[in-house]
Amino acid sequence: EAGYLLCGNPEEVNEQIAKYQEVGCDQLVFGLPNEGFEHDEVLEMIELFGTHVIPNFDTDPIHSTTRFRAEAKRKYPDFANPLPENLDVTVIPTNALIPLSS
């Protein structure tokens, strides 16, 4: 009744989230109980929530940063030239190595 926990079957949880939405809440943070449930039960909770609850409220499931990356103009063109033959590629420059023993 106080609204601190969302619990029940997917229909009940949908109704509870709708109450938050009615008062203007547009983001909620969810967690799962960390004790008292078997691993398979927790996986089932996640699956039910993802299948029967989230789609009712997340009408645009593509994250804004994913959309931004897809639409962004590249700052630099792809490097398509061959590498110089005498280029010595090292992961860590030798002057950056610190001896582990003295």
C-alpha atoms as a PDB file:
ATOM      1  CA  GLU A   1       0.000   0.000   0.000  1.00  0.00           C
ATOM      2  CA  ALA A   2       2.809   2.471   0.810  1.00  0.00           C
ATOM      3  CA  GLY A   3       4.452   1.878  -2.569  1.00  0.00           C
ATOM      4  CA  TYR A   4       7.928   0.979  -1.386  1.00  0.00           C
ATOM      5  CA  LEU A   5       7.917  -2.430  -3.057  1.00  0.00           C
ATOM      6  CA  LEU A   6       6.445  -3.605  -6.304  1.00  0.00           C
ATOM      7  CA  CYS A   7       5.343  -7.182  -6.005  1.00  0.00           C
ATOM      8  CA  GLY A   8       2.823  -9.580  -7.424  1.00  0.00           C
ATOM      9  CA  ASN A   9       2.164 -11.097 -10.799  1.00  0.00           C
ATOM     10  CA  PRO A  10       2.993  -9.097 -13.952  1.00  0.00           C
ATOM     11  CA  GLU A  11      -0.514  -7.598 -14.163  1.00  0.00           C
ATOM     12  CA  GLU A  12      -0.306  -6.354 -10.571  1.00  0.00           C
ATOM     13  CA  VAL A  13       3.169  -4.906 -11.087  1.00  0.00           C
ATOM     14  CA  ASN A  14       1.958  -3.162 -14.262  1.00  0.00           C
ATOM     15  CA  GLU A  15      -0.846  -1.562 -12.235  1.00  0.00           C
ATOM     16  CA  GLN A  16       1.594  -0.467  -9.526  1.00  0.00           C
ATOM     17  CA  ILE A  17       3.983   1.111 -12.039  1.00  0.00           C
ATOM     18  CA  ALA A  18       1.064   2.849 -13.764  1.00  0.00           C
ATOM     19  CA  LYS A  19       0.321   4.642 -10.470  1.00  0.00           C
ATOM     20  CA  TYR A  20       3.840   6.085 -10.479  1.00  0.00           C
ATOM     21  CA  GLN A  21       3.385   7.125 -14.092  1.00  0.00           C
ATOM     22  CA  GLU A  22       0.077   8.853 -13.276  1.00  0.00           C
ATOM     23  CA  VAL A  23       1.824  11.237 -10.868  1.00  0.00           C
ATOM     24  CA  GLY A  24       4.543  12.106 -13.383  1.00  0.00           C
ATOM     25  CA  CYS A  25       7.301   9.669 -12.470  1.00  0.00           C
ATOM     26  CA  ASP A  26       9.184   8.747 -15.625  1.00  0.00           C
ATOM     27  CA  GLN A  27      12.030   6.679 -14.157  1.00  0.00           C
ATOM     28  CA  LEU A  28      12.160   3.897 -11.585  1.00  0.00           C
ATOM     29  CA  VAL A  29      15.078   1.855 -10.302  1.00  0.00           C
ATOM     30  CA  PHE A  30      14.483  -1.831  -9.725  1.00  0.00           C
ATOM     31  CA  GLY A  31      16.307  -4.427  -7.708  1.00  0.00           C
ATOM     32  CA  LEU A  32      15.703  -8.041  -6.873  1.00  0.00           C
ATOM     33  CA  PRO A  33      15.608  -9.693  -3.478  1.00  0.00           C
ATOM     34  CA  ASN A  34      19.051 -10.978  -2.595  1.00  0.00           C
ATOM     35  CA  GLU A  35      18.001 -13.768  -0.288  1.00  0.00           C
ATOM     36  CA  GLY A  36      15.186 -16.230   0.115  1.00  0.00           C
ATOM     37  CA  PHE A  37      14.930 -17.238  -3.537  1.00  0.00           C
ATOM     38  CA  GLU A  38      16.619 -19.898  -5.603  1.00  0.00           C
ATOM     39  CA  HIS A  39      18.679 -18.799  -8.594  1.00  0.00           C
ATOM     40  CA  ASP A  40      16.122 -20.238 -11.036  1.00  0.00           C
ATOM     41  CA  GLU A  41      13.358 -18.265  -9.315  1.00  0.00           C
ATOM     42  CA  VAL A  42      15.293 -15.017  -9.694  1.00  0.00           C
ATOM     43  CA  LEU A  43      15.885 -15.752 -13.389  1.00  0.00           C
ATOM     44  CA  GLU A  44      12.161 -16.369 -13.810  1.00  0.00           C
ATOM     45  CA  MET A  45      11.399 -13.015 -12.134  1.00  0.00           C
ATOM     46  CA  ILE A  46      13.763 -11.237 -14.511  1.00  0.00           C
ATOM     47  CA  GLU A  47      12.218 -12.971 -17.518  1.00  0.00           C
ATOM     48  CA  LEU A  48       8.657 -12.159 -16.440  1.00  0.00           C
ATOM     49  CA  PHE A  49       9.565  -8.536 -15.772  1.00  0.00           C
ATOM     50  CA  GLY A  50      11.347  -8.173 -19.100  1.00  0.00           C
ATOM     51  CA  THR A  51       8.633  -9.910 -21.083  1.00  0.00           C
ATOM     52  CA  HIS A  52       5.393  -8.732 -19.450  1.00  0.00           C
ATOM     53  CA  VAL A  53       6.180  -5.455 -17.679  1.00  0.00           C
ATOM     54  CA  ILE A  54       8.948  -3.470 -19.370  1.00  0.00           C
ATOM     55  CA  PRO A  55       7.335  -3.486 -22.862  1.00  0.00           C
ATOM     56  CA  ASN A  56       4.243  -1.768 -21.415  1.00  0.00           C
ATOM     57  CA  PHE A  57       6.238   1.235 -20.232  1.00  0.00           C
ATOM     58  CA  ASP A  58       9.361   1.388 -22.379  1.00  0.00           C
ATOM     59  CA  THR A  59       7.789   2.289 -25.688  1.00  0.00           C
ATOM     60  CA  ASP A  60      11.158   3.300 -27.168  1.00  0.00           C
ATOM     61  CA  PRO A  61      13.592   0.550 -26.146  1.00  0.00           C
ATOM     62  CA  ILE A  62      16.550   1.943 -28.115  1.00  0.00           C
ATOM     63  CA  HIS A  63      18.739   3.786 -25.637  1.00  0.00           C
ATOM     64  CA  SER A  64      19.361   7.439 -26.488  1.00  0.00           C
ATOM     65  CA  THR A  65      23.129   6.949 -26.732  1.00  0.00           C
ATOM     66  CA  THR A  66      22.645   4.071 -29.176  1.00  0.00           C
ATOM     67  CA  ARG A  67      20.460   6.307 -31.319  1.00  0.00           C
ATOM     68  CA  PHE A  68      22.975   9.152 -31.079  1.00  0.00           C
ATOM     69  CA  ARG A  69      25.832   6.908 -32.190  1.00  0.00           C
ATOM     70  CA  ALA A  70      23.827   5.643 -35.153  1.00  0.00           C
ATOM     71  CA  GLU A  71      22.982   9.176 -36.321  1.00  0.00           C
ATOM     72  CA  ALA A  72      26.246  10.929 -35.449  1.00  0.00           C
ATOM     73  CA  LYS A  73      28.508  12.172 -38.207  1.00  0.00           C
ATOM     74  CA  ARG A  74      31.974  10.665 -37.925  1.00  0.00           C
ATOM     75  CA  LYS A  75      34.586  13.171 -36.788  1.00  0.00           C
ATOM     76  CA  TYR A  76      37.372  11.464 -38.722  1.00  0.00           C
ATOM     77  CA  PRO A  77      37.227   9.216 -41.775  1.00  0.00           C
ATOM     78  CA  ASP A  78      38.163   5.567 -41.399  1.00  0.00           C
ATOM     79  CA  PHE A  79      41.878   4.946 -41.828  1.00  0.00           C
ATOM     80  CA  ALA A  80      42.139   2.975 -45.062  1.00  0.00           C
ATOM     81  CA  ASN A  81      45.808   3.398 -45.927  1.00  0.00           C
ATOM     82  CA  PRO A  82      48.443   0.689 -45.581  1.00  0.00           C
ATOM     83  CA  LEU A  83      50.701   0.871 -42.537  1.00  0.00           C
ATOM     84  CA  PRO A  84      54.346   1.749 -43.165  1.00  0.00           C
ATOM     85  CA  GLU A  85      56.521  -1.365 -43.479  1.00  0.00           C
ATOM     86  CA  ASN A  86      59.094  -0.123 -40.958  1.00  0.00           C
ATOM     87  CA  LEU A  87      56.490   0.596 -38.272  1.00  0.00           C
ATOM     88  CA  ASP A  88      57.439  -1.164 -35.046  1.00  0.00           C
ATOM     89  CA  VAL A  89      54.218  -1.646 -33.120  1.00  0.00           C
ATOM     90  CA  THR A  90      54.620  -2.251 -29.395  1.00  0.00           C
ATOM     91  CA  VAL A  91      51.868  -2.450 -26.851  1.00  0.00           C
ATOM     92  CA  ILE A  92      53.812  -0.764 -24.061  1.00  0.00           C
ATOM     93  CA  PRO A  93      56.785   1.465 -24.857  1.00  0.00           C
ATOM     94  CA  THR A  94      59.920   0.183 -23.136  1.00  0.00           C
ATOM     95  CA  ASN A  95      60.414   3.531 -21.401  1.00  0.00           C
ATOM     96  CA  ALA A  96      57.040   3.035 -19.699  1.00  0.00           C
ATOM     97  CA  LEU A  97      57.962  -0.313 -18.137  1.00  0.00           C
ATOM     98  CA  ILE A  98      58.620  -0.374 -14.405  1.00  0.00           C
ATOM     99  CA  PRO A  99      60.828  -3.177 -13.065  1.00  0.00           C
ATOM    100  CA  LEU A 100      59.007  -5.413 -10.594  1.00  0.00           C
ATOM    101  CA  SER A 101      62.133  -6.139  -8.578  1.00  0.00           C
ATOM    102  CA  SER A 102      65.152  -4.015  -7.788  1.00  0.00           C
END
